[in-house]
Structure formats: structure tokens, C-alpha cells
C-alpha atoms as a PDB file:
ATOM      1  CA  MET A   1     -14.680 -21.593   7.338  1.00  0.00           C
ATOM      2  CA  ALA A   2     -11.877 -22.280   4.868  1.00  0.00           C
ATOM      3  CA  SER A   3     -14.147 -21.502   1.935  1.00  0.00           C
ATOM      4  CA  GLU A   4     -15.226 -18.249   3.576  1.00  0.00           C
ATOM      5  CA  ASN A   5     -11.584 -17.258   4.092  1.00  0.00           C
ATOM      6  CA  LEU A   6     -10.867 -18.026   0.428  1.00  0.00           C
ATOM      7  CA  VAL A   7     -13.812 -15.992  -0.830  1.00  0.00           C
ATOM      8  CA  SER A   8     -12.837 -13.157   1.486  1.00  0.00           C
ATOM      9  CA  ALA A   9      -9.265 -13.226   0.164  1.00  0.00           C
ATOM     10  CA  LEU A  10     -10.384 -13.337  -3.477  1.00  0.00           C
ATOM     11  CA  SER A  11     -12.806 -10.457  -3.095  1.00  0.00           C
ATOM     12  CA  ALA A  12     -10.230  -8.404  -1.204  1.00  0.00           C
ATOM     13  CA  GLY A  13      -7.649  -9.161  -3.903  1.00  0.00           C
ATOM     14  CA  MET A  14     -10.005  -8.139  -6.710  1.00  0.00           C
ATOM     15  CA  GLY A  15     -10.992  -5.016  -4.773  1.00  0.00           C
ATOM     16  CA  GLY A  16      -7.309  -4.181  -4.286  1.00  0.00           C
ATOM     17  CA  ALA A  17      -6.602  -4.612  -8.001  1.00  0.00           C
ATOM     18  CA  LEU A  18      -9.553  -2.461  -9.026  1.00  0.00           C
ATOM     19  CA  SER A  19      -8.704   0.322  -6.579  1.00  0.00           C
ATOM     20  CA  SER A  20      -5.054   0.183  -7.714  1.00  0.00           C
ATOM     21  CA  ILE A  21      -6.072   0.627 -11.354  1.00  0.00           C
ATOM     22  CA  LEU A  22      -8.472   3.464 -10.558  1.00  0.00           C
ATOM     23  CA  LEU A  23      -5.977   5.354  -8.423  1.00  0.00           C
ATOM     24  CA  HIS A  24      -2.751   4.508 -10.252  1.00  0.00           C
ATOM     25  CA  PRO A  25      -2.147   8.056 -11.572  1.00  0.00           C
ATOM     26  CA  LEU A  26      -2.355   9.404  -7.999  1.00  0.00           C
ATOM     27  CA  ASP A  27      -0.158   6.559  -6.765  1.00  0.00           C
ATOM     28  CA  ALA A  28       2.402   7.326  -9.464  1.00  0.00           C
ATOM     29  CA  ILE A  29       2.471  11.013  -8.457  1.00  0.00           C
ATOM     30  CA  LYS A  30       2.728  10.119  -4.785  1.00  0.00           C
ATOM     31  CA  THR A  31       5.606   7.708  -5.464  1.00  0.00           C
ATOM     32  CA  GLN A  32       7.475  10.339  -7.485  1.00  0.00           C
ATOM     33  CA  ILE A  33       7.159  12.847  -4.635  1.00  0.00           C
ATOM     34  CA  GLN A  34       8.137  10.317  -1.970  1.00  0.00           C
ATOM     35  CA  SER A  35      11.237   9.281  -3.913  1.00  0.00           C
ATOM     36  CA  ASP A  36      12.471  12.884  -4.366  1.00  0.00           C
ATOM     37  CA  THR A  37      15.683  13.321  -2.435  1.00  0.00           C
ATOM     38  CA  GLY A  38      18.149  16.195  -2.277  1.00  0.00           C
ATOM     39  CA  LYS A  39      21.840  16.055  -3.015  1.00  0.00           C
ATOM     40  CA  LYS A  40      24.261  15.561  -0.179  1.00  0.00           C
ATOM     41  CA  GLY A  41      23.865  18.358   2.327  1.00  0.00           C
ATOM     42  CA  GLN A  42      20.675  19.648   0.710  1.00  0.00           C
ATOM     43  CA  ALA A  43      17.052  19.213   1.682  1.00  0.00           C
ATOM     44  CA  SER A  44      14.837  16.932  -0.359  1.00  0.00           C
ATOM     45  CA  ALA A  45      12.938  18.498  -3.244  1.00  0.00           C
ATOM     46  CA  THR A  46       9.335  19.235  -2.354  1.00  0.00           C
ATOM     47  CA  ARG A  47       7.501  19.432  -5.645  1.00  0.00           C
ATOM     48  CA  SER A  48       3.776  19.913  -5.456  1.00  0.00           C
ATOM     49  CA  THR A  49       1.304  17.385  -6.827  1.00  0.00           C
ATOM     50  CA  THR A  50       0.527  19.724  -9.739  1.00  0.00           C
ATOM     51  CA  GLU A  51       4.218  20.114 -10.590  1.00  0.00           C
ATOM     52  CA  VAL A  52       4.873  16.370 -10.557  1.00  0.00           C
ATOM     53  CA  CYS A  53       1.789  15.650 -12.654  1.00  0.00           C
ATOM     54  CA  ARG A  54       2.787  18.338 -15.166  1.00  0.00           C
ATOM     55  CA  ASP A  55       6.337  16.938 -15.395  1.00  0.00           C
ATOM     56  CA  ILE A  56       5.116  13.382 -15.955  1.00  0.00           C
ATOM     57  CA  VAL A  57       2.635  14.376 -18.694  1.00  0.00           C
ATOM     58  CA  ARG A  58       5.132  16.702 -20.390  1.00  0.00           C
ATOM     59  CA  LYS A  59       7.763  13.979 -20.625  1.00  0.00           C
ATOM     60  CA  GLY A  60       5.574  11.019 -21.553  1.00  0.00           C
ATOM     61  CA  GLY A  61       2.033  12.176 -22.235  1.00  0.00           C
ATOM     62  CA  LEU A  62      -1.062  11.107 -20.312  1.00  0.00           C
ATOM     63  CA  GLY A  63      -0.074   7.463 -20.739  1.00  0.00           C
ATOM     64  CA  ALA A  64       2.934   8.058 -18.515  1.00  0.00           C
ATOM     65  CA  LEU A  65       0.563   8.350 -15.538  1.00  0.00           C
ATOM     66  CA  TYR A  66      -0.277   4.665 -16.089  1.00  0.00           C
ATOM     67  CA  VAL A  67       3.269   3.302 -16.313  1.00  0.00           C
ATOM     68  CA  GLY A  68       3.470   0.098 -14.301  1.00  0.00           C
ATOM     69  CA  VAL A  69      -0.297  -0.027 -13.748  1.00  0.00           C
ATOM     70  CA  TRP A  70      -0.724  -3.734 -14.457  1.00  0.00           C
ATOM     71  CA  ILE A  71       2.155  -5.015 -12.367  1.00  0.00           C
ATOM     72  CA  LYS A  72       1.090  -2.666  -9.539  1.00  0.00           C
ATOM     73  CA  ALA A  73      -2.481  -3.977  -9.803  1.00  0.00           C
ATOM     74  CA  PHE A  74      -1.185  -7.553  -9.653  1.00  0.00           C
ATOM     75  CA  GLU A  75       0.985  -6.686  -6.651  1.00  0.00           C
ATOM     76  CA  SER A  76      -1.947  -5.012  -4.903  1.00  0.00           C
ATOM     77  CA  ALA A  77      -4.277  -7.956  -5.607  1.00  0.00           C
ATOM     78  CA  SER A  78      -1.697 -10.443  -4.350  1.00  0.00           C
ATOM     79  CA  THR A  79      -0.944  -8.419  -1.238  1.00  0.00           C
ATOM     80  CA  LYS A  80      -4.616  -7.892  -0.296  1.00  0.00           C
ATOM     81  CA  ALA A  81      -5.577 -11.510  -1.012  1.00  0.00           C
ATOM     82  CA  LEU A  82      -2.709 -12.986   0.962  1.00  0.00           C
ATOM     83  CA  TYR A  83      -3.145 -10.493   3.781  1.00  0.00           C
ATOM     84  CA  PHE A  84      -6.819 -11.234   4.330  1.00  0.00           C
ATOM     85  CA  TYR A  85      -6.447 -14.993   3.921  1.00  0.00           C
ATOM     86  CA  ILE A  86      -3.686 -15.123   6.561  1.00  0.00           C
ATOM     87  CA  PHE A  87      -5.442 -12.562   8.750  1.00  0.00           C
ATOM     88  CA  ASN A  88      -8.684 -14.563   8.780  1.00  0.00           C
ATOM     89  CA  PHE A  89      -6.764 -17.849   9.213  1.00  0.00           C
ATOM     90  CA  LEU A  90      -5.118 -16.400  12.343  1.00  0.00           C
ATOM     91  CA  GLY A  91      -8.496 -15.420  13.712  1.00  0.00           C
ATOM     92  CA  GLY A  92      -8.411 -11.737  12.830  1.00  0.00           C
ATOM     93  CA  GLY A  93     -11.630  -9.915  13.593  1.00  0.00           C
ATOM     94  CA  THR A  94     -12.515 -12.318  16.420  1.00  0.00           C
ATOM     95  CA  PHE A  95     -10.128 -11.175  19.123  1.00  0.00           C
ATOM     96  CA  SER A  96     -11.565  -9.383  22.146  1.00  0.00           C
ATOM     97  CA  SER A  97      -8.579  -7.059  22.435  1.00  0.00           C
ATOM     98  CA  ALA A  98      -6.917  -4.578  20.116  1.00  0.00           C
ATOM     99  CA  ALA A  99      -3.575  -6.238  20.800  1.00  0.00           C
ATOM    100  CA  GLY A 100      -4.784  -9.523  19.329  1.00  0.00           C
ATOM    101  CA  GLU A 101      -5.969  -7.753  16.163  1.00  0.00           C
ATOM    102  CA  LEU A 102      -2.660  -5.897  15.829  1.00  0.00           C
ATOM    103  CA  VAL A 103      -0.597  -9.063  16.166  1.00  0.00           C
ATOM    104  CA  ALA A 104      -2.706 -10.952  13.624  1.00  0.00           C
ATOM    105  CA  GLY A 105      -2.567  -8.015  11.217  1.00  0.00           C
ATOM    106  CA  TYR A 106       1.184  -7.585  11.557  1.00  0.00           C
ATOM    107  CA  ALA A 107       1.814 -11.293  11.056  1.00  0.00           C
ATOM    108  CA  ALA A 108      -0.429 -11.353   7.973  1.00  0.00           C
ATOM    109  CA  GLU A 109       1.441  -8.399   6.446  1.00  0.00           C
ATOM    110  CA  ILE A 110       4.919  -9.756   7.234  1.00  0.00           C
ATOM    111  CA  LEU A 111       4.210 -13.238   5.890  1.00  0.00           C
ATOM    112  CA  ASN A 112       3.146 -11.963   2.455  1.00  0.00           C
ATOM    113  CA  LYS A 113       6.191  -9.719   1.917  1.00  0.00           C
ATOM    114  CA  PRO A 114       8.602 -12.391   0.605  1.00  0.00           C
ATOM    115  CA  LEU A 115       6.201 -13.002  -2.282  1.00  0.00           C
ATOM    116  CA  THR A 116       4.899  -9.501  -3.001  1.00  0.00           C
ATOM    117  CA  LEU A 117       7.800  -7.143  -2.244  1.00  0.00           C
ATOM    118  CA  PRO A 118       9.680  -7.915  -5.526  1.00  0.00           C
ATOM    119  CA  LEU A 119       6.556  -6.925  -7.521  1.00  0.00           C
ATOM    120  CA  GLU A 120       6.305  -3.654  -5.585  1.00  0.00           C
ATOM    121  CA  VAL A 121       9.996  -2.839  -6.166  1.00  0.00           C
ATOM    122  CA  VAL A 122       9.781  -3.459  -9.902  1.00  0.00           C
ATOM    123  CA  ALA A 123       6.588  -1.385 -10.163  1.00  0.00           C
ATOM    124  CA  TYR A 124       8.156   1.559  -8.318  1.00  0.00           C
ATOM    125  CA  ARG A 125      11.263   1.318 -10.495  1.00  0.00           C
ATOM    126  CA  MET A 126       9.080   1.554 -13.620  1.00  0.00           C
ATOM    127  CA  ILE A 127       7.209   4.540 -12.225  1.00  0.00           C
ATOM    128  CA  CYS A 128      10.369   6.460 -11.275  1.00  0.00           C
ATOM    129  CA  SER A 129      12.497   5.511 -14.285  1.00  0.00           C
ATOM    130  CA  LYS A 130      13.625   8.439 -16.437  1.00  0.00           C
ATOM    131  CA  ARG A 131      13.007   6.343 -19.548  1.00  0.00           C
ATOM    132  CA  PRO A 132      10.198   3.970 -20.484  1.00  0.00           C
ATOM    133  CA  VAL A 133      11.019   0.455 -19.288  1.00  0.00           C
ATOM    134  CA  THR A 134       9.252  -2.860 -19.319  1.00  0.00           C
ATOM    135  CA  PRO A 135       8.975  -4.981 -16.149  1.00  0.00           C
ATOM    136  CA  THR A 136      11.789  -7.198 -17.508  1.00  0.00           C
ATOM    137  CA  GLU A 137      14.048  -4.195 -18.138  1.00  0.00           C
ATOM    138  CA  ALA A 138      13.293  -2.725 -14.696  1.00  0.00           C
ATOM    139  CA  PHE A 139      14.118  -6.087 -13.110  1.00  0.00           C
ATOM    140  CA  ARG A 140      17.364  -6.356 -15.118  1.00  0.00           C
ATOM    141  CA  ASP A 141      18.447  -2.818 -14.182  1.00  0.00           C
ATOM    142  CA  LEU A 142      17.682  -3.540 -10.553  1.00  0.00           C
ATOM    143  CA  VAL A 143      19.824  -6.698 -10.550  1.00  0.00           C
ATOM    144  CA  ASP A 144      22.683  -4.900 -12.345  1.00  0.00           C
ATOM    145  CA  GLU A 145      22.725  -2.131  -9.728  1.00  0.00           C
ATOM    146  CA  HIS A 146      22.057  -4.047  -6.510  1.00  0.00           C
ATOM    147  CA  GLY A 147      22.456  -7.757  -7.310  1.00  0.00           C
ATOM    148  CA  ILE A 148      19.679 -10.312  -7.164  1.00  0.00           C
ATOM    149  CA  MET A 149      18.725  -9.249  -3.630  1.00  0.00           C
ATOM    150  CA  GLY A 150      17.899  -5.836  -5.068  1.00  0.00           C
ATOM    151  CA  VAL A 151      14.373  -7.128  -5.571  1.00  0.00           C
ATOM    152  CA  TYR A 152      14.041  -6.956  -1.793  1.00  0.00           C
ATOM    153  CA  SER A 153      15.196  -3.341  -1.541  1.00  0.00           C
ATOM    154  CA  GLY A 154      13.569  -1.675   1.415  1.00  0.00           C
ATOM    155  CA  PHE A 155      12.818  -4.966   3.107  1.00  0.00           C
ATOM    156  CA  THR A 156      13.872  -3.760   6.572  1.00  0.00           C
ATOM    157  CA  ALA A 157      11.739  -0.641   6.218  1.00  0.00           C
ATOM    158  CA  SER A 158       8.899  -2.869   5.061  1.00  0.00           C
ATOM    159  CA  LEU A 159       9.103  -4.826   8.312  1.00  0.00           C
ATOM    160  CA  PHE A 160       8.498  -1.622  10.246  1.00  0.00           C
ATOM    161  CA  ALA A 161       5.930  -0.251   7.783  1.00  0.00           C
ATOM    162  CA  ALA A 162       4.077  -3.581   7.960  1.00  0.00           C
ATOM    163  CA  ILE A 163       2.500  -2.411  11.194  1.00  0.00           C
ATOM    164  CA  LYS A 164       0.454   0.061   9.111  1.00  0.00           C
ATOM    165  CA  PRO A 165      -2.297  -2.320   7.954  1.00  0.00           C
ATOM    166  CA  ALA A 166      -2.244  -3.947  11.366  1.00  0.00           C
ATOM    167  CA  ILE A 167      -2.945  -0.583  13.021  1.00  0.00           C
ATOM    168  CA  HIS A 168      -5.446   0.292  10.282  1.00  0.00           C
ATOM    169  CA  PHE A 169      -7.562  -2.832  10.495  1.00  0.00           C
ATOM    170  CA  GLY A 170      -7.001  -3.219  14.250  1.00  0.00           C
ATOM    171  CA  ILE A 171      -8.517   0.221  14.877  1.00  0.00           C
ATOM    172  CA  PHE A 172     -11.253  -0.422  12.313  1.00  0.00           C
ATOM    173  CA  GLU A 173     -12.204  -3.753  13.918  1.00  0.00           C
ATOM    174  CA  GLN A 174     -12.367  -2.167  17.377  1.00  0.00           C
ATOM    175  CA  ILE A 175     -14.553   0.640  16.083  1.00  0.00           C
ATOM    176  CA  LYS A 176     -16.782  -1.891  14.349  1.00  0.00           C
ATOM    177  CA  LYS A 177     -17.161  -3.995  17.513  1.00  0.00           C
ATOM    178  CA  THR A 178     -18.038  -0.883  19.513  1.00  0.00           C
ATOM    179  CA  VAL A 179     -20.632   0.262  16.974  1.00  0.00           C
ATOM    180  CA  LEU A 180     -22.122  -3.147  16.156  1.00  0.00           C
ATOM    181  CA  GLN A 181     -23.745  -3.879  19.469  1.00  0.00           C
ATOM    182  CA  GLY A 182     -27.168  -5.356  19.891  1.00  0.00           C
ATOM    183  CA  ALA A 183     -29.075  -6.483  16.814  1.00  0.00           C
ATOM    184  CA  ARG A 184     -26.825  -4.781  14.236  1.00  0.00           C
ATOM    185  CA  LYS A 185     -24.545  -7.140  12.300  1.00  0.00           C
ATOM    186  CA  GLU A 186     -22.920  -4.925   9.643  1.00  0.00           C
ATOM    187  CA  LEU A 187     -21.790  -1.338   9.138  1.00  0.00           C
ATOM    188  CA  GLY A 188     -23.418   0.782   6.481  1.00  0.00           C
ATOM    189  CA  PHE A 189     -21.464   2.038   3.501  1.00  0.00           C
ATOM    190  CA  VAL A 190     -21.000   5.563   4.826  1.00  0.00           C
ATOM    191  CA  GLU A 191     -19.931   4.255   8.241  1.00  0.00           C
ATOM    192  CA  SER A 192     -17.396   1.884   6.682  1.00  0.00           C
ATOM    193  CA  PHE A 193     -16.084   4.728   4.555  1.00  0.00           C
ATOM    194  CA  LEU A 194     -15.749   7.144   7.459  1.00  0.00           C
ATOM    195  CA  TYR A 195     -14.369   4.790  10.115  1.00  0.00           C
ATOM    196  CA  GLY A 196     -11.955   3.222   7.642  1.00  0.00           C
ATOM    197  CA  ALA A 197     -10.664   6.651   6.584  1.00  0.00           C
ATOM    198  CA  ILE A 198     -10.027   7.587  10.232  1.00  0.00           C
ATOM    199  CA  ALA A 199      -8.160   4.339  10.884  1.00  0.00           C
ATOM    200  CA  ARG A 200      -6.180   4.749   7.675  1.00  0.00           C
ATOM    201  CA  ALA A 201      -5.150   8.291   8.574  1.00  0.00           C
ATOM    202  CA  ILE A 202      -3.911   7.248  12.004  1.00  0.00           C
ATOM    203  CA  SER A 203      -1.941   4.285  10.691  1.00  0.00           C
ATOM    204  CA  THR A 204      -0.392   6.433   7.945  1.00  0.00           C
ATOM    205  CA  VAL A 205       0.795   9.137  10.329  1.00  0.00           C
ATOM    206  CA  VAL A 206       2.358   6.559  12.682  1.00  0.00           C
ATOM    207  CA  THR A 207       4.274   4.612   9.993  1.00  0.00           C
ATOM    208  CA  TYR A 208       4.974   7.258   7.338  1.00  0.00           C
ATOM    209  CA  PRO A 209       8.733   7.730   8.001  1.00  0.00           C
ATOM    210  CA  PHE A 210       9.244   4.006   7.396  1.00  0.00           C
ATOM    211  CA  VAL A 211       7.035   4.065   4.273  1.00  0.00           C
ATOM    212  CA  ARG A 212       9.051   6.913   2.771  1.00  0.00           C
ATOM    213  CA  ALA A 213      12.378   5.272   3.657  1.00  0.00           C
ATOM    214  CA  LYS A 214      11.128   2.138   1.913  1.00  0.00           C
ATOM    215  CA  VAL A 215      10.203   3.985  -1.278  1.00  0.00           C
ATOM    216  CA  ILE A 216      13.559   5.793  -1.353  1.00  0.00           C
ATOM    217  CA  ALA A 217      15.441   2.526  -0.927  1.00  0.00           C
ATOM    218  CA  GLN A 218      13.372   0.841  -3.648  1.00  0.00           C
ATOM    219  CA  THR A 219      13.798   3.609  -6.227  1.00  0.00           C
ATOM    220  CA  SER A 220      17.362   4.773  -5.537  1.00  0.00           C
ATOM    221  CA  LYS A 221      20.129   3.747  -7.920  1.00  0.00           C
ATOM    222  CA  ASP A 222      22.698   4.372  -5.205  1.00  0.00           C
ATOM    223  CA  PRO A 223      23.641   1.052  -3.469  1.00  0.00           C
ATOM    224  CA  THR A 224      24.672   3.016  -0.353  1.00  0.00           C
ATOM    225  CA  ARG A 225      21.063   4.117   0.146  1.00  0.00           C
ATOM    226  CA  ALA A 226      19.820   0.678   1.098  1.00  0.00           C
ATOM    227  CA  SER A 227      19.832   1.099   4.860  1.00  0.00           C
ATOM    228  CA  MET A 228      16.551   2.307   6.370  1.00  0.00           C
ATOM    229  CA  LEU A 229      18.308   3.935   9.322  1.00  0.00           C
ATOM    230  CA  ALA A 230      20.810   5.713   7.081  1.00  0.00           C
ATOM    231  CA  ILE A 231      18.037   7.037   4.849  1.00  0.00           C
ATOM    232  CA  ILE A 232      16.024   8.346   7.803  1.00  0.00           C
ATOM    233  CA  GLN A 233      19.100   9.966   9.358  1.00  0.00           C
ATOM    234  CA  GLU A 234      20.063  11.605   6.067  1.00  0.00           C
ATOM    235  CA  GLU A 235      16.593  12.945   5.373  1.00  0.00           C
ATOM    236  CA  VAL A 236      16.314  14.378   8.877  1.00  0.00           C
ATOM    237  CA  ALA A 237      19.800  15.920   8.635  1.00  0.00           C
ATOM    238  CA  GLN A 238      18.985  17.534   5.282  1.00  0.00           C
ATOM    239  CA  GLY A 239      15.404  18.667   5.792  1.00  0.00           C
ATOM    240  CA  GLY A 240      14.520  18.147   9.415  1.00  0.00           C
ATOM    241  CA  VAL A 241      11.674  15.934  10.593  1.00  0.00           C
ATOM    242  CA  THR A 242       9.444  17.461   7.914  1.00  0.00           C
ATOM    243  CA  GLY A 243      11.836  16.040   5.318  1.00  0.00           C
ATOM    244  CA  LEU A 244      10.404  12.617   6.138  1.00  0.00           C
ATOM    245  CA  CYS A 245       6.846  13.830   5.781  1.00  0.00           C
ATOM    246  CA  VAL A 246       6.827  14.742   2.088  1.00  0.00           C
ATOM    247  CA  CYS A 247       3.509  13.737   0.533  1.00  0.00           C
ATOM    248  CA  LEU A 248       2.019  12.644   3.863  1.00  0.00           C
ATOM    249  CA  VAL A 249      -1.316  14.337   3.139  1.00  0.00           C
ATOM    250  CA  HIS A 250      -1.664  12.453  -0.167  1.00  0.00           C
ATOM    251  CA  SER A 251      -1.102   9.090   1.461  1.00  0.00           C
ATOM    252  CA  SER A 252      -3.834   8.875   4.054  1.00  0.00           C
ATOM    253  CA  HIS A 253      -7.295   8.288   2.678  1.00  0.00           C
ATOM    254  CA  LEU A 254      -7.522   7.620  -1.068  1.00  0.00           C
ATOM    255  CA  SER A 255      -6.382   4.000  -1.305  1.00  0.00           C
ATOM    256  CA  HIS A 256      -8.631   2.967   1.593  1.00  0.00           C
ATOM    257  CA  CYS A 257     -11.644   4.747   0.128  1.00  0.00           C
ATOM    258  CA  ALA A 258     -11.140   3.143  -3.246  1.00  0.00           C
ATOM    259  CA  SER A 259     -10.743  -0.276  -1.660  1.00  0.00           C
ATOM    260  CA  ILE A 260     -14.000   0.172   0.238  1.00  0.00           C
ATOM    261  CA  VAL A 261     -15.844   1.166  -2.938  1.00  0.00           C
ATOM    262  CA  ALA A 262     -14.262  -1.636  -4.986  1.00  0.00           C
ATOM    263  CA  THR A 263     -14.960  -4.305  -2.371  1.00  0.00           C
ATOM    264  CA  ARG A 264     -18.533  -3.145  -1.916  1.00  0.00           C
ATOM    265  CA  MET A 265     -18.965  -3.474  -5.687  1.00  0.00           C
ATOM    266  CA  LEU A 266     -17.553  -6.974  -5.572  1.00  0.00           C
ATOM    267  CA  ARG A 267     -19.927  -7.871  -2.732  1.00  0.00           C
ATOM    268  CA  SER A 268     -22.964  -6.741  -4.744  1.00  0.00           C
ATOM    269  CA  ARG A 269     -25.422  -9.061  -6.489  1.00  0.00           C
ATOM    270  CA  PHE A 270     -23.737  -8.235  -9.784  1.00  0.00           C
ATOM    271  CA  PHE A 271     -20.506  -9.768  -8.482  1.00  0.00           C
ATOM    272  CA  TRP A 272     -22.389 -12.777  -7.163  1.00  0.00           C
ATOM    273  CA  LEU A 273     -24.056 -13.352 -10.553  1.00  0.00           C
ATOM    274  CA  THR A 274     -20.973 -12.773 -12.716  1.00  0.00           C
ATOM    275  CA  ALA A 275     -18.230 -14.244 -10.547  1.00  0.00           C
ATOM    276  CA  GLY A 276     -20.268 -16.972  -8.926  1.00  0.00           C
ATOM    277  CA  CYS A 277     -18.654 -16.411  -5.531  1.00  0.00           C
ATOM    278  CA  GLY A 278     -21.858 -16.523  -3.536  1.00  0.00           C
ATOM    279  CA  CYS A 279     -22.219 -14.419  -0.442  1.00  0.00           C
ATOM    280  CA  VAL A 280     -18.880 -12.666   0.132  1.00  0.00           C
ATOM    281  CA  HIS A 281     -17.594 -12.749   3.708  1.00  0.00           C
ATOM    282  CA  ASN A 282     -16.899  -9.471   5.517  1.00  0.00           C
ATOM    283  CA  CYS A 283     -13.412  -8.677   4.325  1.00  0.00           C
ATOM    284  CA  LEU A 284     -13.125  -4.992   4.853  1.00  0.00           C
ATOM    285  CA  CYS A 285     -16.096  -4.161   7.042  1.00  0.00           C
END
């Protein structure tokens, strides 16, 4: 069982890294839009995806779309691997109720944050910096502005946003249990893709205000914008409830779809032959 959990975590981590690399330009654009905030008393800027992409390329060339790609890939791999190892260790996927799956998923997400949140903060700082910076420079700037605890910017919002993967995989597991009745033991690729996208969309809509507050806290240079509640109140006051929903459409499906594809690739015979991991345990399906 322990070896199955480890293989599951490793394949999920590698799938997370691969999907992060493939979708990094979109993630960079999404992060730029999410971090856009208006001046005091003004609504947040609402640049379109095309406008943000054009601005990034104009200022730094096509390579600017890949700023922070490796640290983000490492963060994604670490997060996914730790999440699935803890989730499986806690019995995730075996509970008879949705509540059990949600609790296991939430605990798995919370427990990996102390290790992975600093990587996420540094990556977002690199993406949103107005000048090219290395991870070391981004870390140094962060400490200069917010102190050493600046690496945990957005931690409170992360605690609330952590319910997102719990909702995502909780819904997915319940759908899978409902569908896999009788002799069937595994979902097909198209089914995994479709049901996972539905679960991802629902979890994104539910938690998006907290996700956006987290990104704003992590990328802001203003020490006063560290409180999740203050950020949410300010965004609502300036732009209404829709002010919190900037870039919501771009956040729902893509990362899940890429993770499904990447993990399926890693579960193929090619992965078995090259990585020597044997038969990969069900980690996403």
C-alpha cells in the first residue's frame, strides 16, 4: 500500500510538472490579470487575455511568457505529489461519503502548504515583476518589502482556497463511484476528462474570491494589502462582486485537462519502460 501511494504521488507530481510547463504562458497571463488592482477608490483593471499577452510579449519578447516556468513547475510537482501522498495515506478515494473525501482532500492540501507556498509566492513575484528577476532576487525583494514571513503572503487566503482541490476531487470521486458500478473498474480517458472538468469548474467558482485574494496578497508590494478580508472588501467596494471574478473563465478547466493528459501519459507503457515505476496507481481517475 505504501509503495502504491508513493508511485501515485510521484506520477501525480510528474504530471503536475508537465502540465505546468505546457500551460505556463496561460498561467502567467491569468496571474497577471488576477493581480490587476485599481487605485484607491477605483475599480480593478480588467484587461483582456489578448491585451495582457500583447503587453508581456512587447516588453520582454516571447520568452517573457515563460518567466518563472521552472520554479512554478517544481512548485506544482511538489504540491501534487504531497497532496496525493497525504490524500491516499488518509484513505482518500475509499470513503463512502462525500464528506469523508472533502475532509481528506482539505487536510492533504493544508498540510502541504507550509512547504510549497513559498515556492508559489516567489514564482508569482517573478511573473508579475516589472523587471526580469531571478528566483533569488524575487525572494530578496519579497523579504525587503514584507520581512521573512513575506514568503507566506496570502497564507490565510490559501487556507480558504485549499478547499478547492478537496471539492474538485471529492466531486470527481463521487462521480467515479456512481459511474463505476458492476464490472467496470476504471473510467475511460474521455470520461475522466469530462467529469474532471465539471468538478474543476464547480470548485473554481466556489473558491475563486479566495484564490484571487491570495494572488493579490502574494504579488502586491504594499504591506497593507496582506489581509485577505481587507483585499476582498476593497475589491468589492471598488468594482462590486464582479471585481473579485476577474479571469474566472480562464481558471476553470485548463490546468485540470492538462493534468489528466500528462498523468495518462505517465501511466502509459512508455512511462513504465522509461521510468521503471511499474503499474501506476489511480491518482487522478
